Amino acid sequence: VLVQVDMLGNFPTGRFLPKFVKQYGNVWAESLRAVEAYKGEVKRREYPASEHTYAMPEKEFVEFRKVVGIAEREK
């Protein structure tokens, strides 16, 4: 039996692997690369950019602020 996690390489470097494990990919490394890229863009304030957001009409934003203000006072 070859477990999918082992086959895809979804584990940190250095983990003990039995002899029968054949790694066909490296999901762990690719996931780590993606998380680090996301972290960097957020820290540099590159993400989210305008193309990743939705505009909120001013009327709805005013209503949102009212609701949040009421909710904060009730705590």
Protein backbone atom coordinates (compact mmCIF):
# COMPACT_ATOMS: atom_id res chain seq x y z
CA VAL A 1 0.00 0.00 0.00
CA LEU A 2 1.36 3.42 -0.93
CA VAL A 3 -0.33 6.18 1.04
CA GLN A 4 -1.25 9.29 -0.93
CA VAL A 5 0.54 11.63 1.52
CA ASP A 6 3.75 9.68 1.00
CA MET A 7 3.33 9.38 -2.76
CA LEU A 8 2.78 13.12 -3.16
CA GLY A 9 5.59 14.11 -0.80
CA ASN A 10 3.26 15.97 1.55
CA PHE A 11 5.56 15.87 4.57
CA PRO A 12 8.46 17.93 5.92
CA THR A 13 12.04 17.26 4.89
CA GLY A 14 13.82 14.79 7.14
CA ARG A 15 10.79 12.66 8.00
CA PHE A 16 11.57 8.96 8.22
CA LEU A 17 10.36 7.13 5.13
CA PRO A 18 10.03 3.36 5.02
CA LYS A 19 11.72 1.55 2.14
CA PHE A 20 8.45 0.94 0.33
CA VAL A 21 7.68 4.66 -0.04
CA LYS A 22 8.24 6.04 -3.50
CA GLN A 23 7.80 9.79 -3.68
CA TYR A 24 6.29 10.96 -6.99
CA GLY A 25 6.04 14.63 -6.11
CA ASN A 26 6.94 17.21 -3.49
CA VAL A 27 3.68 18.79 -2.38
CA TRP A 28 5.24 19.92 0.90
CA ALA A 29 7.91 22.04 -0.82
CA GLU A 30 5.41 23.54 -3.27
CA SER A 31 2.97 24.36 -0.45
CA LEU A 32 5.75 25.97 1.56
CA ARG A 33 6.81 28.01 -1.50
CA ALA A 34 3.24 29.23 -2.01
CA VAL A 35 2.76 30.17 1.66
CA GLU A 36 6.07 32.07 1.70
CA ALA A 37 5.12 33.92 -1.51
CA TYR A 38 1.75 34.87 0.02
CA LYS A 39 3.42 36.01 3.25
CA GLY A 40 5.88 38.19 1.33
CA GLU A 41 3.19 39.85 -0.76
CA VAL A 42 1.07 40.58 2.30
CA LYS A 43 4.04 42.05 4.19
CA ARG A 44 4.95 44.21 1.17
CA ARG A 45 1.26 45.21 0.88
CA GLU A 46 1.13 43.86 -2.67
CA TYR A 47 -1.76 41.54 -1.83
CA PRO A 48 -4.63 42.02 -1.89
CA ALA A 49 -4.50 44.40 -4.84
CA SER A 50 -7.55 46.10 -6.30
CA GLU A 51 -8.13 43.22 -8.74
CA HIS A 52 -8.56 40.88 -5.75
CA THR A 53 -11.21 42.94 -3.97
CA TYR A 54 -14.81 44.04 -4.44
CA ALA A 55 -15.91 47.63 -4.07
CA MET A 56 -18.58 48.36 -1.48
CA PRO A 57 -21.13 51.08 -2.18
CA GLU A 58 -20.78 53.96 0.32
CA LYS A 59 -24.36 53.46 1.54
CA GLU A 60 -23.64 49.85 2.49
CA PHE A 61 -20.37 50.87 4.17
CA VAL A 62 -22.19 53.44 6.31
CA GLU A 63 -24.68 50.75 7.36
CA PHE A 64 -21.84 48.34 8.09
CA ARG A 65 -20.15 50.90 10.36
CA LYS A 66 -23.43 51.37 12.24
CA VAL A 67 -23.85 47.65 12.77
CA VAL A 68 -20.26 47.21 13.90
CA GLY A 69 -20.50 50.18 16.23
CA ILE A 70 -23.63 48.77 17.86
CA ALA A 71 -22.08 45.30 18.14
CA GLU A 72 -18.94 46.72 19.78
CA ARG A 73 -20.96 48.66 22.39
CA GLU A 74 -23.01 45.56 23.30
CA LYS A 75 -19.92 43.46 24.20
